[in-house]
Amino acid sequence: MSQLRSIEIARKTGLAVVLCVSMRARFEKIGEPNGSFTAYERVEREFPFNWHYHPESELTLIVEGEGQRLVGETLCDYKPGDLVLLGPNLPHSYRSWPAASGSHKANRAIVIQFSKESFGGLVELPEMASVASMLKRSAMGLVFGDTKTGKEVSSRLRQLPTLAPARRTSSLLSVLVELAEEPDAQTIATEMLPLLCRVEDRRRIDQICSYLNQNFDREIDFSDLAATVHMSQACLCRFFRRATGRTMTTYINQLRIGAAVQLLVNSDRSILDIAFNVGFGNYSNFNRQFKSVKGSTPRVFRQELSQSQSSSPN
């Protein structure tokens, strides 16, 4: 089937299309033809870094795959079951861990984008005060993945994109009501970042973050990166801090710690080897940075992981 024919079918059915262009998957969202909000399953071999925002609220459930999500200035690991509600115009990106050579596993997520207007005036009713309050709190992002309610609604969210329009709307509203009653939802971001309104600024931050995501495991020359995006090094550092709420050094260290966690979990490589493999040239600094992010040293983290696995029932 030709690509143009596939796109035409998708436009008629309201499905999402994954296009492979120059070996990089680009996601094209197709609007719902008979609905006031968008619900789709995102499936890609890898989720590429894409720093963006939009006026709709977004509810994302990770079904398969692991990686890191950047919401506002907060970078966290994600895994299957991760459920996040993001408010309008909150900058964010999901980046999956690189797929192993020869692996056919895909990254899968259920993504729902909606606005208060999607439900007419229902959200403004006194009976829906809890939902209105949750939507207001989601301006900084809310995570539900490890909560009881988050786990309970996950199966319904997986089915939601396949439902008829009326049932899809009622199902989403029901899910939002239940999530609004969850007391253990955690706020993600801690500060409101300025929006990058200029297309050139959005292109630059995506280019910078993509470069850092691809090269964090080696020594990065900030002057070379600055030249690549046609900025002075001082302007580059200020621009990155203003756009992401953190310094580039902090961001790089967080990327490295995330990669180190994957190696600690999925390999028996020595901690020293892991430290150098993810880009730390100093073992003491690796231990210090790891503890600041994860709350324990790499050795204690691995020991606790081993104890947890040995105590789990087969």
Protein backbone atom coordinates (compact mmCIF):
# COMPACT_ATOMS: atom_id res chain seq x y z
CA MET A 1 0.00 0.00 0.00
CA SER A 2 1.42 3.40 -0.93
CA GLN A 3 2.25 6.00 1.73
CA LEU A 4 -0.27 8.46 0.26
CA ARG A 5 -2.97 5.79 0.31
CA SER A 6 -2.13 4.97 3.97
CA ILE A 7 -2.42 8.62 4.94
CA GLU A 8 -5.75 8.96 3.14
CA ILE A 9 -7.17 5.95 5.01
CA ALA A 10 -5.90 7.40 8.28
CA ARG A 11 -7.57 10.74 7.63
CA LYS A 12 -10.88 8.97 7.08
CA THR A 13 -10.62 6.77 10.16
CA GLY A 14 -9.03 9.19 12.64
CA LEU A 15 -5.97 6.96 13.15
CA ALA A 16 -2.41 8.07 13.83
CA VAL A 17 0.22 7.58 11.14
CA VAL A 18 3.90 6.85 11.72
CA LEU A 19 6.06 7.97 8.79
CA CYS A 20 9.66 6.85 8.38
CA VAL A 21 11.68 9.65 6.81
CA SER A 22 15.46 9.38 6.48
CA MET A 23 15.50 6.56 9.05
CA ARG A 24 13.89 8.75 11.72
CA ALA A 25 10.27 8.18 12.74
CA ARG A 26 8.18 11.31 12.65
CA PHE A 27 4.76 11.33 14.22
CA GLU A 28 1.84 12.95 12.42
CA LYS A 29 -1.28 13.39 14.50
CA ILE A 30 -4.56 13.06 12.63
CA GLY A 31 -7.53 14.88 14.15
CA GLU A 32 -10.69 13.01 15.08
CA PRO A 33 -13.26 13.50 12.30
CA ASN A 34 -16.26 12.99 14.61
CA GLY A 35 -15.07 14.19 17.98
CA SER A 36 -14.01 17.20 20.00
CA PHE A 37 -10.72 15.68 21.20
CA THR A 38 -7.97 13.38 19.95
CA ALA A 39 -7.26 9.87 21.22
CA TYR A 40 -4.74 7.59 19.55
CA GLU A 41 -2.13 4.90 20.12
CA ARG A 42 1.40 6.05 19.39
CA VAL A 43 3.64 3.22 18.18
CA GLU A 44 7.28 3.76 17.17
CA ARG A 45 10.48 1.76 17.36
CA GLU A 46 11.92 4.67 19.36
CA PHE A 47 10.36 7.87 20.70
CA PRO A 48 12.69 10.65 19.49
CA PHE A 49 13.29 13.77 21.56
CA ASN A 50 10.79 16.48 20.59
CA TRP A 51 10.56 19.47 22.94
CA HIS A 52 7.14 20.99 22.34
CA TYR A 53 3.91 22.30 23.82
CA HIS A 54 0.30 22.75 22.69
CA PRO A 55 -2.88 24.44 23.94
CA GLU A 56 -4.62 21.12 24.75
CA SER A 57 -4.28 19.14 27.97
CA GLU A 58 -2.61 15.78 27.39
CA LEU A 59 -3.10 12.44 29.16
CA THR A 60 -0.37 9.91 28.26
CA LEU A 61 -0.18 6.27 29.33
CA ILE A 62 3.02 4.34 28.55
CA VAL A 63 2.08 0.82 27.45
CA GLU A 64 5.47 -0.51 26.33
CA GLY A 65 9.02 0.85 26.46
CA GLU A 66 11.23 2.76 28.84
CA GLY A 67 13.03 6.07 28.70
CA GLN A 68 12.94 9.57 30.14
CA ARG A 69 10.29 12.27 30.10
CA LEU A 70 11.13 15.93 30.40
CA VAL A 71 8.23 18.02 31.74
CA GLY A 72 9.02 21.65 32.42
CA GLU A 73 12.39 21.55 34.16
CA THR A 74 11.90 18.03 35.60
CA LEU A 75 13.54 14.99 34.00
CA CYS A 76 12.31 11.56 35.20
CA ASP A 77 12.53 7.96 34.05
CA TYR A 78 9.37 6.33 32.72
CA LYS A 79 8.33 2.71 32.23
CA PRO A 80 5.13 0.81 31.34
CA GLY A 81 2.24 2.04 33.46
CA ASP A 82 3.51 5.62 33.65
CA LEU A 83 0.43 7.86 33.51
CA VAL A 84 0.80 11.63 33.28
CA LEU A 85 -1.64 14.52 32.85
CA LEU A 86 -0.13 17.68 31.39
CA GLY A 87 -1.89 21.03 31.37
CA PRO A 88 -2.09 23.39 28.37
CA ASN A 89 1.15 24.88 27.03
CA LEU A 90 3.39 22.88 29.38
CA PRO A 91 6.66 22.13 27.51
CA HIS A 92 7.45 18.41 27.45
CA SER A 93 9.11 15.57 25.60
CA TYR A 94 9.38 11.79 25.83
CA ARG A 95 12.61 10.08 24.77
CA SER A 96 12.85 6.29 24.77
CA TRP A 97 16.06 4.40 25.41
CA PRO A 98 17.73 3.37 22.13
CA ALA A 99 16.46 0.04 20.83
CA ALA A 100 18.95 -2.82 20.91
CA SER A 101 20.41 -3.83 17.58
CA GLY A 102 18.07 -6.29 15.88
CA SER A 103 15.29 -5.69 18.40
CA HIS A 104 11.75 -5.59 17.04
CA LYS A 105 10.20 -4.28 20.24
CA ALA A 106 8.19 -1.09 19.84
CA ASN A 107 7.47 1.80 22.14
CA ARG A 108 3.73 2.21 22.65
CA ALA A 109 1.68 4.89 24.36
CA ILE A 110 -1.96 5.94 24.56
CA VAL A 111 -2.20 9.71 24.04
CA ILE A 112 -5.33 11.77 24.61
CA GLN A 113 -5.43 15.51 23.92
CA PHE A 114 -8.44 17.53 24.99
CA SER A 115 -9.59 20.90 26.28
CA LYS A 116 -12.30 21.94 28.73
CA GLU A 117 -14.43 22.80 25.70
CA SER A 118 -14.33 19.12 24.69
CA PHE A 119 -17.03 18.46 27.29
CA GLY A 120 -19.20 21.48 26.61
CA GLY A 121 -20.01 23.15 29.93
CA LEU A 122 -19.86 19.96 32.02
CA VAL A 123 -16.53 20.77 33.66
CA GLU A 124 -17.92 24.10 34.85
CA LEU A 125 -20.77 22.47 36.78
CA PRO A 126 -20.53 22.46 40.62
CA GLU A 127 -20.65 18.65 40.57
CA MET A 128 -17.40 18.61 38.54
CA ALA A 129 -15.44 20.88 40.88
CA SER A 130 -12.89 18.14 41.60
CA VAL A 131 -12.14 17.70 37.88
CA ALA A 132 -11.84 21.45 37.37
CA SER A 133 -9.43 21.62 40.31
CA MET A 134 -7.32 18.76 38.91
CA LEU A 135 -7.12 20.38 35.49
CA LYS A 136 -5.91 23.57 37.15
CA ARG A 137 -3.24 21.67 39.12
CA SER A 138 -2.11 19.90 35.94
CA ALA A 139 -0.63 23.20 34.75
CA MET A 140 2.61 21.86 36.30
CA GLY A 141 1.91 18.24 35.35
CA LEU A 142 0.53 15.40 37.47
CA VAL A 143 1.77 11.80 37.59
CA PHE A 144 -0.61 8.94 38.48
CA GLY A 145 1.33 5.85 37.39
CA ASP A 146 2.05 4.36 40.82
CA THR A 147 -1.28 5.29 42.35
CA LYS A 148 -4.16 2.88 42.90
CA THR A 149 -6.48 4.89 40.65
CA GLY A 150 -3.87 5.19 37.91
CA LYS A 151 -3.51 1.42 37.75
CA GLU A 152 -7.27 0.90 37.78
CA VAL A 153 -8.01 3.22 34.83
CA SER A 154 -5.11 2.04 32.64
CA SER A 155 -7.05 -0.80 31.00
CA ARG A 156 -9.88 1.58 30.04
CA LEU A 157 -7.43 4.09 28.59
CA ARG A 158 -5.93 1.38 26.38
CA GLN A 159 -9.36 0.72 24.89
CA LEU A 160 -10.45 4.34 24.63
CA PRO A 161 -9.09 5.13 21.10
CA THR A 162 -11.11 2.24 19.64
CA LEU A 163 -14.49 3.31 21.08
CA ALA A 164 -17.27 5.04 19.18
CA PRO A 165 -17.24 8.86 19.63
CA ALA A 166 -20.01 9.06 22.28
CA ARG A 167 -18.59 6.19 24.35
CA ARG A 168 -15.09 7.61 23.96
CA THR A 169 -16.20 10.93 25.42
CA SER A 170 -18.10 9.39 28.34
CA SER A 171 -15.19 7.03 29.07
CA LEU A 172 -12.66 9.88 29.17
CA LEU A 173 -14.89 11.96 31.43
CA SER A 174 -15.29 8.97 33.76
CA VAL A 175 -11.51 8.48 33.89
CA LEU A 176 -10.94 12.16 34.69
CA VAL A 177 -13.49 12.00 37.52
CA GLU A 178 -11.69 9.03 39.07
CA LEU A 179 -8.23 10.58 38.66
CA ALA A 180 -9.49 13.80 40.27
CA GLU A 181 -10.32 11.80 43.41
CA GLU A 182 -6.83 10.26 43.67
CA PRO A 183 -5.08 11.83 46.70
CA ASP A 184 -1.58 10.56 45.86
CA ALA A 185 -1.10 12.27 42.48
CA GLN A 186 2.26 14.04 42.44
CA THR A 187 3.11 17.36 40.80
CA ILE A 188 5.90 17.04 38.25
CA ALA A 189 7.34 20.47 37.42
CA THR A 190 8.28 23.04 40.05
CA GLU A 191 8.47 26.20 37.97
CA MET A 192 6.61 27.63 34.99
CA LEU A 193 8.94 28.00 32.02
CA PRO A 194 8.55 30.79 29.46
CA LEU A 195 7.06 29.57 26.18
CA LEU A 196 9.25 29.62 23.10
CA CYS A 197 6.94 31.41 20.70
CA ARG A 198 9.42 31.94 17.88
CA VAL A 199 9.78 29.04 15.46
CA GLU A 200 13.55 29.62 15.38
CA ASP A 201 13.81 29.30 19.17
CA ARG A 202 11.82 26.05 19.16
CA ARG A 203 14.02 24.69 16.39
CA ARG A 204 17.15 25.61 18.32
CA ILE A 205 16.14 24.03 21.63
CA ASP A 206 15.11 20.85 19.82
CA GLN A 207 18.45 20.81 18.00
CA ILE A 208 20.41 21.41 21.22
CA CYS A 209 18.55 18.78 23.24
CA SER A 210 18.73 16.25 20.43
CA TYR A 211 22.49 16.77 20.26
CA LEU A 212 22.86 16.34 24.03
CA ASN A 213 20.65 13.24 24.03
CA GLN A 214 22.80 11.66 21.32
CA ASN A 215 26.20 12.64 22.76
CA PHE A 216 25.85 12.70 26.56
CA ASP A 217 28.14 9.65 26.89
CA ARG A 218 31.18 11.59 25.68
CA GLU A 219 32.86 14.86 26.60
CA ILE A 220 30.82 17.68 25.11
CA ASP A 221 32.49 20.80 23.80
CA PHE A 222 29.97 23.57 24.43
CA SER A 223 31.81 25.92 22.08
CA ASP A 224 31.32 23.48 19.18
CA LEU A 225 27.64 23.09 20.06
CA ALA A 226 27.25 26.87 20.22
CA ALA A 227 28.76 27.22 16.77
CA THR A 228 26.39 24.57 15.43
CA VAL A 229 23.34 26.59 16.49
CA HIS A 230 24.98 29.93 15.55
CA MET A 231 25.19 31.35 19.08
CA SER A 232 27.99 32.40 21.38
CA GLN A 233 28.70 29.97 24.21
CA ALA A 234 27.44 32.46 26.79
CA CYS A 235 24.19 33.02 24.85
CA LEU A 236 23.79 29.27 24.40
CA CYS A 237 24.01 28.63 28.15
CA ARG A 238 21.57 31.44 28.99
CA PHE A 239 19.14 30.34 26.28
CA PHE A 240 19.14 26.71 27.47
CA ARG A 241 18.63 27.72 31.11
CA ARG A 242 15.74 30.01 30.21
CA ALA A 243 14.05 27.40 27.98
CA THR A 244 14.45 24.30 30.18
CA GLY A 245 14.87 25.61 33.72
CA ARG A 246 18.28 23.97 34.20
CA THR A 247 21.88 24.29 33.07
CA MET A 248 23.20 22.08 30.29
CA THR A 249 25.60 20.44 32.75
CA THR A 250 22.70 19.47 35.02
CA TYR A 251 20.74 18.13 32.06
CA ILE A 252 23.69 16.10 30.78
CA ASN A 253 24.30 14.59 34.24
CA GLN A 254 20.64 13.58 34.46
CA LEU A 255 20.84 11.90 31.06
CA ARG A 256 23.97 10.05 32.17
CA ILE A 257 22.41 8.89 35.44
CA GLY A 258 19.36 7.61 33.57
CA ALA A 259 21.59 5.60 31.23
CA ALA A 260 23.59 4.31 34.20
CA VAL A 261 20.41 3.05 35.87
CA GLN A 262 19.58 1.07 32.75
CA LEU A 263 23.00 -0.60 32.80
CA LEU A 264 22.81 -1.31 36.54
CA VAL A 265 19.43 -2.96 36.03
CA ASN A 266 20.07 -4.82 32.79
CA SER A 267 23.74 -5.81 32.95
CA ASP A 268 26.37 -7.16 35.33
CA ARG A 269 29.03 -4.67 34.25
CA SER A 270 31.17 -3.17 36.99
CA ILE A 271 30.10 0.17 38.41
CA LEU A 272 33.39 1.73 37.35
CA ASP A 273 32.86 0.52 33.79
CA ILE A 274 29.32 1.89 33.79
CA ALA A 275 30.52 5.28 35.05
CA PHE A 276 32.96 5.67 32.17
CA ASN A 277 30.52 4.17 29.64
CA VAL A 278 27.85 6.84 30.30
CA GLY A 279 30.32 9.71 30.12
CA PHE A 280 31.64 10.34 33.64
CA GLY A 281 35.41 10.73 33.63
CA ASN A 282 35.62 10.75 37.41
CA TYR A 283 34.32 7.87 39.54
CA SER A 284 33.81 10.01 42.65
CA ASN A 285 31.78 12.51 40.67
CA PHE A 286 29.65 9.68 39.27
CA ASN A 287 28.85 8.44 42.78
CA ARG A 288 28.05 11.98 43.95
CA GLN A 289 25.81 12.79 40.99
CA PHE A 290 24.06 9.41 41.16
CA LYS A 291 23.24 9.87 44.83
CA SER A 292 21.92 13.39 44.27
CA VAL A 293 19.47 12.10 41.64
CA LYS A 294 18.56 8.64 43.00
CA GLY A 295 19.09 9.11 46.73
CA SER A 296 21.66 6.31 47.05
CA THR A 297 25.03 5.35 45.62
CA PRO A 298 25.17 3.07 42.55
CA ARG A 299 26.42 0.19 44.71
CA VAL A 300 23.55 0.49 47.20
CA PHE A 301 21.08 0.90 44.32
CA ARG A 302 22.28 -2.34 42.74
CA GLN A 303 22.26 -4.20 46.07
CA GLU A 304 18.70 -3.10 46.82
CA LEU A 305 17.63 -4.09 43.31
CA SER A 306 19.19 -7.54 43.73
CA GLN A 307 17.48 -8.03 47.10
CA SER A 308 14.14 -6.92 45.64
CA GLN A 309 14.45 -9.36 42.73
CA SER A 310 15.48 -12.28 44.97
CA SER A 311 12.54 -11.69 47.31
CA SER A 312 9.98 -11.45 44.51
CA PRO A 313 7.87 -14.59 43.94
CA ASN A 314 8.63 -16.53 40.75
